[in-house]
Each structure stands twice: as C-alpha cells, then as structure tokens.
C-alpha atoms as a PDB file:
ATOM      1  CA  MET A   1     -26.612 -24.033 -16.344  1.00  0.00           C
ATOM      2  CA  SER A   2     -25.140 -24.596 -13.069  1.00  0.00           C
ATOM      3  CA  ASN A   3     -27.328 -24.160  -9.778  1.00  0.00           C
ATOM      4  CA  ARG A   4     -23.943 -24.032  -8.066  1.00  0.00           C
ATOM      5  CA  ILE A   5     -23.423 -20.185  -6.127  1.00  0.00           C
ATOM      6  CA  GLU A   6     -19.374 -19.879  -6.914  1.00  0.00           C
ATOM      7  CA  THR A   7     -17.480 -16.809  -5.209  1.00  0.00           C
ATOM      8  CA  ILE A   8     -15.013 -14.966  -7.273  1.00  0.00           C
ATOM      9  CA  THR A   9     -12.395 -12.857  -5.704  1.00  0.00           C
ATOM     10  CA  THR A  10      -9.222 -11.002  -7.078  1.00  0.00           C
ATOM     11  CA  SER A  11      -5.842  -9.633  -5.505  1.00  0.00           C
ATOM     12  CA  GLN A  12      -6.585  -6.713  -8.415  1.00  0.00           C
ATOM     13  CA  ALA A  13      -9.886  -5.121  -6.244  1.00  0.00           C
ATOM     14  CA  PRO A  14      -9.602  -4.775  -2.175  1.00  0.00           C
ATOM     15  CA  ALA A  15     -10.094  -7.037  -0.177  1.00  0.00           C
ATOM     16  CA  ALA A  16     -13.901  -8.083   1.381  1.00  0.00           C
ATOM     17  CA  ILE A  17     -14.181  -6.219   4.476  1.00  0.00           C
ATOM     18  CA  GLY A  18     -16.933  -8.536   6.061  1.00  0.00           C
ATOM     19  CA  PRO A  19     -18.369 -11.519   5.992  1.00  0.00           C
ATOM     20  CA  TYR A  20     -19.065 -11.342   2.306  1.00  0.00           C
ATOM     21  CA  SER A  21     -17.557 -12.345  -0.899  1.00  0.00           C
ATOM     22  CA  GLN A  22     -16.171  -9.104  -3.962  1.00  0.00           C
ATOM     23  CA  ALA A  23     -18.668 -11.237  -6.059  1.00  0.00           C
ATOM     24  CA  VAL A  24     -20.443 -14.414  -6.694  1.00  0.00           C
ATOM     25  CA  ARG A  25     -21.983 -16.552 -10.086  1.00  0.00           C
ATOM     26  CA  PHE A  26     -24.756 -17.999 -10.495  1.00  0.00           C
ATOM     27  CA  GLY A  27     -25.290 -19.660 -13.130  1.00  0.00           C
ATOM     28  CA  ASN A  28     -24.877 -16.981 -16.064  1.00  0.00           C
ATOM     29  CA  LEU A  29     -25.501 -13.676 -13.192  1.00  0.00           C
ATOM     30  CA  LEU A  30     -22.521 -12.373 -11.737  1.00  0.00           C
ATOM     31  CA  PHE A  31     -23.560  -9.997  -8.470  1.00  0.00           C
ATOM     32  CA  THR A  32     -21.039  -7.667  -7.449  1.00  0.00           C
ATOM     33  CA  SER A  33     -20.976  -6.538  -3.898  1.00  0.00           C
ATOM     34  CA  GLY A  34     -20.906  -2.918  -3.243  1.00  0.00           C
ATOM     35  CA  GLN A  35     -17.315  -1.263  -3.802  1.00  0.00           C
ATOM     36  CA  ILE A  36     -15.937   1.694  -2.232  1.00  0.00           C
ATOM     37  CA  PRO A  37     -12.902   4.014  -3.327  1.00  0.00           C
ATOM     38  CA  LEU A  38     -10.084   1.213  -1.232  1.00  0.00           C
ATOM     39  CA  THR A  39      -7.648   0.207  -3.548  1.00  0.00           C
ATOM     40  CA  PRO A  40      -6.373  -2.965  -3.464  1.00  0.00           C
ATOM     41  CA  GLU A  41      -4.215  -2.797  -0.619  1.00  0.00           C
ATOM     42  CA  GLY A  42      -7.120  -1.694   1.632  1.00  0.00           C
ATOM     43  CA  THR A  43      -6.231   1.798   1.832  1.00  0.00           C
ATOM     44  CA  LEU A  44      -8.924   4.459   1.431  1.00  0.00           C
ATOM     45  CA  VAL A  45      -7.836   6.345  -2.003  1.00  0.00           C
ATOM     46  CA  GLN A  46      -7.286  10.631  -1.226  1.00  0.00           C
ATOM     47  CA  GLY A  47      -9.384  13.203  -2.772  1.00  0.00           C
ATOM     48  CA  GLY A  48     -13.540  14.027  -3.424  1.00  0.00           C
ATOM     49  CA  ILE A  49     -16.154  12.203  -5.581  1.00  0.00           C
ATOM     50  CA  GLU A  50     -14.282  12.231  -8.365  1.00  0.00           C
ATOM     51  CA  GLU A  51     -10.980  10.555  -7.368  1.00  0.00           C
ATOM     52  CA  GLN A  52     -13.447   7.974  -5.195  1.00  0.00           C
ATOM     53  CA  THR A  53     -15.792   7.230  -7.770  1.00  0.00           C
ATOM     54  CA  HIS A  54     -13.014   6.275 -10.530  1.00  0.00           C
ATOM     55  CA  GLN A  55     -11.213   3.882  -7.810  1.00  0.00           C
ATOM     56  CA  VAL A  56     -14.698   2.370  -7.440  1.00  0.00           C
ATOM     57  CA  PHE A  57     -15.408   1.609 -11.225  1.00  0.00           C
ATOM     58  CA  ARG A  58     -11.323   0.666 -11.258  1.00  0.00           C
ATOM     59  CA  ASN A  59     -12.259  -2.167  -8.650  1.00  0.00           C
ATOM     60  CA  LEU A  60     -15.561  -3.028 -10.289  1.00  0.00           C
ATOM     61  CA  GLN A  61     -13.672  -3.326 -13.474  1.00  0.00           C
ATOM     62  CA  ALA A  62     -11.147  -5.731 -11.412  1.00  0.00           C
ATOM     63  CA  VAL A  63     -13.499  -7.868 -10.092  1.00  0.00           C
ATOM     64  CA  LEU A  64     -15.624  -8.055 -13.205  1.00  0.00           C
ATOM     65  CA  GLY A  65     -12.071  -9.202 -14.962  1.00  0.00           C
ATOM     66  CA  ALA A  66     -11.644 -11.763 -12.269  1.00  0.00           C
ATOM     67  CA  ALA A  67     -14.895 -13.255 -13.683  1.00  0.00           C
ATOM     68  CA  GLU A  68     -14.156 -13.093 -17.378  1.00  0.00           C
ATOM     69  CA  ALA A  69     -16.749 -10.325 -17.951  1.00  0.00           C
ATOM     70  CA  SER A  70     -16.436  -6.071 -18.270  1.00  0.00           C
ATOM     71  CA  LEU A  71     -18.942  -3.280 -17.626  1.00  0.00           C
ATOM     72  CA  ALA A  72     -20.511  -4.020 -20.978  1.00  0.00           C
ATOM     73  CA  ASN A  73     -21.826  -7.442 -19.312  1.00  0.00           C
ATOM     74  CA  VAL A  74     -23.755  -5.251 -16.579  1.00  0.00           C
ATOM     75  CA  VAL A  75     -28.107  -4.722 -16.675  1.00  0.00           C
ATOM     76  CA  LYS A  76     -28.139  -3.115 -13.346  1.00  0.00           C
ATOM     77  CA  ALA A  77     -26.101  -0.825 -11.655  1.00  0.00           C
ATOM     78  CA  THR A  78     -27.186   0.620  -7.895  1.00  0.00           C
ATOM     79  CA  VAL A  79     -25.618   3.627  -6.627  1.00  0.00           C
ATOM     80  CA  PHE A  80     -25.425   4.640  -3.494  1.00  0.00           C
ATOM     81  CA  ILE A  81     -23.867   8.694  -2.724  1.00  0.00           C
ATOM     82  CA  LYS A  82     -24.132  10.040   0.967  1.00  0.00           C
ATOM     83  CA  ASP A  83     -24.904  13.611  -1.067  1.00  0.00           C
ATOM     84  CA  MET A  84     -27.389  14.311  -3.560  1.00  0.00           C
ATOM     85  CA  ASN A  85     -25.624  17.280  -4.429  1.00  0.00           C
ATOM     86  CA  GLN A  86     -22.432  14.942  -6.194  1.00  0.00           C
ATOM     87  CA  PHE A  87     -25.202  13.068  -8.403  1.00  0.00           C
ATOM     88  CA  ALA A  88     -23.886  15.325 -11.468  1.00  0.00           C
ATOM     89  CA  ALA A  89     -19.956  14.668 -11.059  1.00  0.00           C
ATOM     90  CA  VAL A  90     -20.515  10.963  -9.916  1.00  0.00           C
ATOM     91  CA  ASN A  91     -23.080  10.466 -12.782  1.00  0.00           C
ATOM     92  CA  GLU A  92     -20.861  12.073 -15.291  1.00  0.00           C
ATOM     93  CA  ILE A  93     -17.903   9.600 -14.327  1.00  0.00           C
ATOM     94  CA  TYR A  94     -20.628   7.009 -14.810  1.00  0.00           C
ATOM     95  CA  ALA A  95     -21.262   7.870 -18.098  1.00  0.00           C
ATOM     96  CA  SER A  96     -17.704   7.730 -19.065  1.00  0.00           C
ATOM     97  CA  TYR A  97     -17.127   3.986 -18.114  1.00  0.00           C
ATOM     98  CA  PHE A  98     -20.401   2.787 -19.455  1.00  0.00           C
ATOM     99  CA  GLY A  99     -20.433   4.885 -23.046  1.00  0.00           C
ATOM    100  CA  ASP A 100     -22.834   4.352 -25.018  1.00  0.00           C
ATOM    101  CA  HIS A 101     -24.149   1.519 -22.701  1.00  0.00           C
ATOM    102  CA  LYS A 102     -26.600   1.651 -20.617  1.00  0.00           C
ATOM    103  CA  PRO A 103     -27.569  -0.974 -18.077  1.00  0.00           C
ATOM    104  CA  ALA A 104     -30.388  -0.143 -15.866  1.00  0.00           C
ATOM    105  CA  ARG A 105     -29.702   1.940 -12.469  1.00  0.00           C
ATOM    106  CA  SER A 106     -30.440   3.457  -9.127  1.00  0.00           C
ATOM    107  CA  THR A 107     -28.516   5.817  -7.387  1.00  0.00           C
ATOM    108  CA  VAL A 108     -30.237   6.224  -4.131  1.00  0.00           C
ATOM    109  CA  GLU A 109     -29.089   8.981  -1.159  1.00  0.00           C
ATOM    110  CA  VAL A 110     -27.544   7.211   2.049  1.00  0.00           C
ATOM    111  CA  ALA A 111     -26.936   8.595   5.651  1.00  0.00           C
ATOM    112  CA  ARG A 112     -23.571   6.968   6.021  1.00  0.00           C
ATOM    113  CA  LEU A 113     -20.977   4.817   3.810  1.00  0.00           C
ATOM    114  CA  PRO A 114     -18.604   2.157   5.173  1.00  0.00           C
ATOM    115  CA  LYS A 115     -15.241   3.644   6.434  1.00  0.00           C
ATOM    116  CA  ASP A 116     -17.338   7.402   5.889  1.00  0.00           C
ATOM    117  CA  VAL A 117     -16.765   7.111   1.905  1.00  0.00           C
ATOM    118  CA  LEU A 118     -18.738   9.332  -0.657  1.00  0.00           C
ATOM    119  CA  VAL A 119     -19.757   6.495  -3.250  1.00  0.00           C
ATOM    120  CA  GLU A 120     -20.383   2.883  -2.877  1.00  0.00           C
ATOM    121  CA  ILE A 121     -21.451   1.001  -6.734  1.00  0.00           C
ATOM    122  CA  GLU A 122     -22.850  -2.674  -6.797  1.00  0.00           C
ATOM    123  CA  LEU A 123     -23.206  -4.562 -10.046  1.00  0.00           C
ATOM    124  CA  ILE A 124     -25.567  -7.294 -11.824  1.00  0.00           C
ATOM    125  CA  ALA A 125     -23.908  -8.238 -14.708  1.00  0.00           C
ATOM    126  CA  VAL A 126     -25.077 -11.359 -17.186  1.00  0.00           C
ATOM    127  CA  LEU A 127     -21.973 -13.191 -18.156  1.00  0.00           C
ATOM    128  CA  ASP A 128     -21.000 -15.099 -21.401  1.00  0.00           C
ATOM    129  CA  SER A 129     -22.333 -18.717 -22.061  1.00  0.00           C
ATOM    130  CA  ASN A 130     -19.202 -20.921 -22.214  1.00  0.00           C
END
C-alpha cells in the first residue's frame, strides 16, 4: 500500500473551482471533493433538485471512473442539501444510483452552497488493490 497521495482528475467532470482536487487517492482509499451540479464545461445545470442531483451523480461517476472505480466502491457519502424538504426527492434519486448497495451516509441541510446550488455530494470509496 502506497503512502503517497495521488491527485485524480478528469475532463468528464467540472474542473475544481478553487484550490482543491476533484479527488485524491491515498493507498486504496479515494476521497472525492464535493460535486455540485455543474456540467463538465462548468455550466450550472438548469432545473430543480431532480436535475441538479442527477448532474451531481454524473460528475461523481466520472471522478470515480477516473480512479477506475464505481459507485459500488463507495463506503461513505455525505449529502449537503439547501432544503431538507427536498430530502425525499434527493433520496429517491440517490437510491436509483446505488441500487442494493447501501454505503454509510450523512445528510445535512446547509444555509448555502457554492454557486447557490441546491445539492452537493462527496464520497469516500475503497479501491480494488492492484
């Protein structure tokens, strides 16, 4: 197991909009930065909580894919939402991406998110040993 931190980047998800990486790998652990509903080109996706949540998952899948992983590798998710009244909608979409796989999860209502989006999600995944 390597003790080196490796930066993971992909053009299939939006570039970091600050001094951080899309994800970092440490040994067999992958930590994604929070993904918001920006397209890979950096444009905010149009629509409400449903459209925004789907875009967040597309971004997360792209970042995981750049590390040769998938949602099946996720052990922990943290969901930040602007309005807890939208939890049911986010939860339904979340469940559709994870299926029978049920990683640990926290969901937190926050006062404000970057670019005033409605949802942000970050993940921790365990990668296959090479």
